[in-house]
Protein backbone atom coordinates (compact mmCIF):
# COMPACT_ATOMS: atom_id res chain seq x y z
CA MET A 1 0.05 -0.17 0.04
CA MET A 2 2.70 2.47 0.99
CA ILE A 3 4.63 1.78 -2.40
CA ARG A 4 1.62 2.07 -4.48
CA GLY A 5 1.01 5.59 -2.76
CA ILE A 6 4.57 6.58 -3.27
CA ALA A 7 3.79 5.70 -6.91
CA VAL A 8 0.68 7.59 -7.15
CA ALA A 9 2.71 10.67 -5.67
CA VAL A 10 5.23 10.47 -8.30
CA VAL A 11 3.02 10.69 -10.89
CA VAL A 12 1.07 13.51 -9.46
CA VAL A 13 4.17 15.29 -9.20
CA ALA A 14 5.04 14.50 -12.72
CA VAL A 15 1.50 15.49 -14.24
CA ALA A 16 2.27 18.90 -12.00
CA GLN A 17 5.62 19.74 -13.59
CA THR A 18 4.69 18.84 -17.14
CA SER A 19 0.88 20.44 -17.19
CA SER A 20 2.42 24.25 -17.05
CA ALA A 21 1.52 26.32 -20.03
CA GLN A 22 4.86 28.21 -19.87
CA THR A 23 8.15 27.87 -18.25
CA ILE A 24 9.87 30.81 -16.45
CA TYR A 25 13.52 31.67 -15.77
CA PRO A 26 14.09 32.15 -12.78
CA ILE A 27 12.24 29.08 -11.71
CA ASP A 28 9.34 29.31 -8.74
CA ARG A 29 10.43 30.10 -5.48
CA ALA A 30 13.61 31.15 -6.49
CA SER A 31 16.18 33.43 -4.03
CA ILE A 32 17.92 36.63 -5.78
CA LEU A 33 20.41 39.02 -4.21
CA GLN A 34 19.34 42.30 -4.50
CA GLY A 35 21.18 44.05 -7.34
CA ALA A 36 22.74 40.98 -8.92
CA LYS A 37 22.19 40.31 -12.40
CA PHE A 38 20.33 37.34 -14.16
CA ASP A 39 18.62 36.48 -17.31
CA PHE A 40 14.93 36.29 -17.64
CA LYS A 41 13.36 34.08 -19.98
CA VAL A 42 9.95 32.54 -20.65
CA GLU A 43 9.53 29.31 -22.63
CA PHE A 44 6.19 29.14 -24.50
CA PRO A 45 5.06 25.34 -25.52
CA LYS A 46 4.07 26.32 -28.76
CA LEU A 47 3.81 29.27 -31.43
CA VAL A 48 1.93 32.18 -29.92
CA ASP A 49 1.56 35.56 -31.22
CA ARG A 50 3.35 38.49 -29.86
CA GLN A 51 0.35 40.89 -29.16
CA SER A 52 -1.23 37.94 -27.38
CA VAL A 53 1.71 37.64 -24.81
CA LYS A 54 1.37 39.35 -21.23
CA ILE A 55 3.94 39.31 -18.78
CA THR A 56 3.65 40.78 -15.47
CA VAL A 57 5.80 41.28 -11.97
CA ASN A 58 3.41 41.79 -8.79
CA GLY A 59 0.68 42.88 -11.49
CA ALA A 60 2.54 45.60 -13.29
CA ASP A 61 3.89 45.04 -16.82
CA TYR A 62 7.31 43.12 -16.29
CA THR A 63 9.12 46.24 -18.25
CA GLN A 64 8.29 48.21 -14.83
CA VAL A 65 10.19 46.11 -12.58
CA LEU A 66 12.72 44.76 -14.92
CA GLY A 67 13.77 48.06 -16.47
CA ARG A 68 12.96 47.40 -20.17
CA GLY A 69 11.78 44.79 -22.37
CA GLY A 70 12.77 41.44 -23.85
CA GLU A 71 13.29 40.21 -27.17
CA PHE A 72 10.43 38.07 -28.56
CA VAL A 73 11.22 34.90 -30.38
CA GLU A 74 8.94 33.72 -32.55
CA LYS A 75 10.35 30.41 -33.60
CA GLU A 76 13.11 29.42 -30.81
CA ASP A 77 15.79 27.46 -32.86
CA GLY A 78 13.72 27.07 -35.71
CA ALA A 79 11.41 25.14 -33.69
CA ASP A 80 7.16 25.72 -33.37
CA ALA A 81 7.91 27.38 -29.83
CA SER A 82 8.10 30.99 -29.13
CA SER A 83 9.83 32.58 -26.12
CA VAL A 84 10.89 35.94 -24.33
CA VAL A 85 14.39 36.68 -23.38
CA LEU A 86 15.88 39.24 -21.54
CA ARG A 87 19.61 39.20 -20.44
CA GLY A 88 21.36 40.94 -17.29
CA VAL A 89 18.49 42.43 -15.41
CA SER A 90 18.58 42.84 -11.66
CA ILE A 91 16.23 43.75 -8.92
CA ARG A 92 16.83 46.57 -6.73
CA GLN A 93 14.24 46.30 -4.48
CA PRO A 94 13.91 43.60 -1.81
CA GLY A 95 10.84 41.79 -1.24
CA LYS A 96 8.45 39.37 -2.63
CA TYR A 97 7.81 38.93 -6.37
CA GLU A 98 5.22 37.20 -8.76
CA VAL A 99 5.72 36.52 -12.23
CA ALA A 100 2.77 35.84 -14.50
CA ALA A 101 3.26 34.83 -18.19
CA SER A 102 0.16 34.43 -20.47
CA ASP A 103 -0.18 33.88 -24.32
CA GLY A 104 -3.66 34.82 -23.92
CA GLN A 105 -5.02 31.03 -23.47
CA ALA A 106 -3.12 29.89 -20.37
CA THR A 107 -1.23 31.34 -17.37
CA SER A 108 1.99 30.19 -15.46
CA LYS A 109 3.01 31.79 -12.33
CA VAL A 110 6.15 31.75 -10.17
CA THR A 111 7.39 33.48 -7.15
CA TRP A 112 10.71 35.07 -6.16
CA GLU A 113 12.10 36.44 -3.22
CA VAL A 114 14.63 39.47 -3.69
CA PHE A 115 16.95 39.51 -0.42
CA ALA A 116 19.30 42.55 0.60
CA THR A 117 22.66 42.03 2.77
CA PRO A 118 22.70 43.59 5.79
CA ALA A 119 23.70 47.24 6.45
CA PRO A 120 25.79 48.52 7.33
CA ARG A 121 28.09 45.45 6.66
CA ALA A 122 28.97 43.03 9.50
CA ALA A 123 32.20 41.66 8.42
CA LYS A 124 35.07 43.20 6.43
CA ASN A 125 36.18 39.45 5.19
CA VAL A 126 34.81 36.75 4.82
CA ILE A 127 36.51 33.12 4.60
CA LEU A 128 34.17 30.62 3.43
CA PHE A 129 34.94 27.01 3.91
CA ILE A 130 33.49 24.49 2.10
CA GLY A 131 34.04 20.70 2.70
CA ASP A 132 32.92 18.37 0.17
CA GLY A 133 31.15 15.42 1.51
CA MET A 134 31.40 16.76 4.92
CA SER A 135 27.85 15.76 6.07
CA VAL A 136 26.87 15.42 9.81
CA ALA A 137 27.86 11.72 9.40
CA ASN A 138 31.18 12.38 8.07
CA ARG A 139 31.93 15.03 10.64
CA THR A 140 30.69 12.41 13.37
CA ALA A 141 32.82 9.61 12.12
CA ALA A 142 36.05 11.67 12.08
CA ARG A 143 35.25 12.99 15.80
CA MET A 144 34.78 9.56 16.86
CA LEU A 145 38.27 8.57 15.23
CA SER A 146 40.30 11.36 16.26
CA LYS A 147 38.88 12.09 19.73
CA GLY A 148 37.60 8.88 20.78
CA ILE A 149 33.96 8.25 22.23
CA LYS A 150 33.27 6.83 25.35
CA GLU A 151 29.83 6.01 27.10
CA GLY A 152 27.99 8.21 24.41
CA LYS A 153 30.46 11.25 25.01
CA TYR A 154 33.10 12.39 22.85
CA PHE A 155 36.70 13.35 24.72
CA GLY A 156 36.81 16.19 22.56
CA THR A 157 35.62 18.32 19.53
CA LEU A 158 36.80 19.04 15.68
CA GLU A 159 37.84 22.78 15.14
CA ILE A 160 34.97 22.70 12.57
CA ASP A 161 32.82 22.11 15.83
CA ASP A 162 33.57 25.41 17.61
CA MET A 163 33.12 27.99 14.54
CA PRO A 164 31.23 30.53 15.41
CA HIS A 165 28.77 30.47 12.13
CA MET A 166 27.85 27.12 10.40
CA ALA A 167 25.07 26.06 8.20
CA LEU A 168 23.80 22.90 6.43
CA ILE A 169 22.11 23.08 3.21
CA GLY A 170 20.06 20.60 0.85
CA THR A 171 21.91 19.87 -2.45
CA SER A 172 19.09 18.44 -4.74
CA GLY A 173 19.05 20.38 -8.02
CA VAL A 174 16.48 21.34 -10.70
CA ASP A 175 16.24 17.91 -12.58
CA SER A 176 18.04 15.41 -9.97
CA ILE A 177 17.57 14.73 -6.05
CA VAL A 178 21.11 13.34 -6.26
CA THR A 179 23.25 16.07 -7.49
CA ASP A 180 27.23 16.51 -8.77
CA SER A 181 29.64 18.73 -7.71
CA ALA A 182 28.99 20.98 -10.68
CA ASN A 183 25.53 22.39 -9.99
CA SER A 184 25.70 22.02 -6.08
CA MET A 185 28.86 24.41 -5.97
CA SER A 186 26.85 26.56 -8.49
CA ALA A 187 23.89 27.01 -5.98
CA TYR A 188 26.58 27.99 -3.57
CA THR A 189 27.83 30.54 -5.86
CA THR A 190 24.92 31.92 -7.22
CA GLY A 191 22.01 30.85 -4.74
CA HIS A 192 20.13 29.28 -7.49
CA LYS A 193 19.30 26.05 -8.34
CA SER A 194 20.72 24.31 -11.52
CA SER A 195 21.11 21.04 -13.25
CA VAL A 196 23.67 18.21 -12.97
CA ASN A 197 26.95 19.16 -14.94
CA ALA A 198 25.52 22.89 -15.08
CA LEU A 199 27.52 25.93 -13.92
CA GLY A 200 26.05 29.34 -13.35
CA VAL A 201 22.91 28.69 -15.97
CA TYR A 202 19.22 27.33 -15.46
CA VAL A 203 19.36 24.88 -18.40
CA ALA A 204 16.28 26.02 -20.70
CA ARG A 205 15.69 24.24 -24.03
CA ASN A 206 18.31 26.31 -25.83
CA LYS A 207 20.41 24.17 -28.45
CA ASN A 208 23.08 26.82 -28.12
CA ASN A 209 25.01 25.93 -24.72
CA PHE A 210 26.07 29.57 -24.14
CA GLU A 211 22.40 30.84 -24.55
CA HIS A 212 20.91 29.17 -21.30
CA PRO A 213 19.48 31.68 -18.83
CA HIS A 214 22.73 32.84 -16.85
CA VAL A 215 22.71 34.00 -13.23
CA GLU A 216 25.30 35.65 -11.89
CA THR A 217 27.80 34.82 -9.53
CA ILE A 218 28.92 36.15 -6.43
CA ALA A 219 32.63 36.72 -7.87
CA GLU A 220 31.16 38.17 -10.94
CA LEU A 221 29.11 40.67 -8.72
CA ALA A 222 32.24 41.60 -6.66
CA LYS A 223 34.40 41.88 -9.96
CA ARG A 224 31.48 45.03 -10.87
CA HIS A 225 32.39 46.57 -7.56
CA ALA A 226 35.94 46.30 -7.26
CA ASN A 227 39.29 45.13 -9.10
CA MET A 228 39.43 41.20 -8.84
CA ALA A 229 42.29 38.75 -10.50
CA THR A 230 40.81 36.04 -12.23
CA PRO A 231 42.02 32.56 -10.96
CA ARG A 232 43.04 29.73 -12.72
CA CYS A 233 41.49 26.39 -11.33
CA ARG A 234 41.32 22.79 -12.22
CA THR A 235 38.65 21.25 -10.11
CA ARG A 236 34.63 21.87 -10.25
CA PRO A 237 34.12 24.08 -6.99
CA PRO A 238 36.45 27.25 -8.43
CA PRO A 239 35.01 27.40 -11.86
CA ALA A 240 31.78 27.71 -10.30
CA TRP A 241 32.66 31.01 -9.01
CA TRP A 242 33.28 32.26 -12.47
CA ARG A 243 31.93 31.94 -16.19
CA ILE A 244 34.07 29.03 -17.60
CA ARG A 245 36.55 30.61 -20.02
CA GLY A 246 36.15 34.35 -19.62
CA GLY A 247 32.67 34.56 -20.52
CA ALA A 248 30.63 31.53 -21.11
CA PRO A 249 28.13 29.41 -18.69
CA THR A 250 28.18 25.88 -18.93
CA SER A 251 25.16 23.27 -19.51
CA PRO A 252 24.56 19.47 -19.50
CA ARG A 253 25.44 19.81 -23.23
CA SER A 254 28.29 21.28 -23.41
CA PRO A 255 31.44 19.31 -23.74
CA ARG A 256 33.40 21.51 -21.30
CA CYS A 257 31.26 21.10 -18.42
CA PHE A 258 32.85 16.94 -18.52
CA SER A 259 36.25 18.00 -19.06
CA MET A 260 36.44 20.47 -15.81
CA SER A 261 39.74 18.72 -14.49
CA ALA A 262 41.19 19.98 -17.79
CA SER A 263 40.11 23.14 -18.16
CA THR A 264 41.53 26.64 -17.12
CA CYS A 265 39.14 29.62 -16.40
């Protein structure tokens, strides 16, 4: 009975995901840093008339919130499907935003939360330690082996246990509960969920891997406000801070995603 119930739940979720009229990027419940740049895109599942398209943000025309209008693509990549694309926009006012996109017959909605950083800033410098595979279970095993345990009590703690600020995050991606190091690290650096093997993008239906909706990393944001050197990197966590090879985000269909250990950014 439980297995049958799970199967029904999976079917319901699948139907809910595939029945939406339009796909909107950034996705539903996205968290967006105030002032951070991102690409806005609405994908229609069929050909639509430009005049019938209506996109609003909190009830107002989207151009009022995002600053300008996007490009209407009648036949995206030659397919019988239209889209609206707007690159490099940002939102200055923190708060909740509801985005609605209609083709005149059906409407899709997503919500975003735009958040601000504390003012005045609380720290001059930040050191971010990222332990790959450092979940509670891994740290518990390390504590037991290094410090010892008796009658349920450890004989000491790890240095990481005494750090004043610590957080645990969920690493599930847009397209998979079990994620990989590329898109999980991308979530750290952008605040946006992504798909397996992708860095700094929402994976849309674009055939060109460099046209997927891009989201700005915290390093790119900092570089817009200060002089920063571009690092050399040969593992996946560092490239997630920067767009690959000086300007191109990656997606699962990009060969560069699968040769990250041999890449230089």
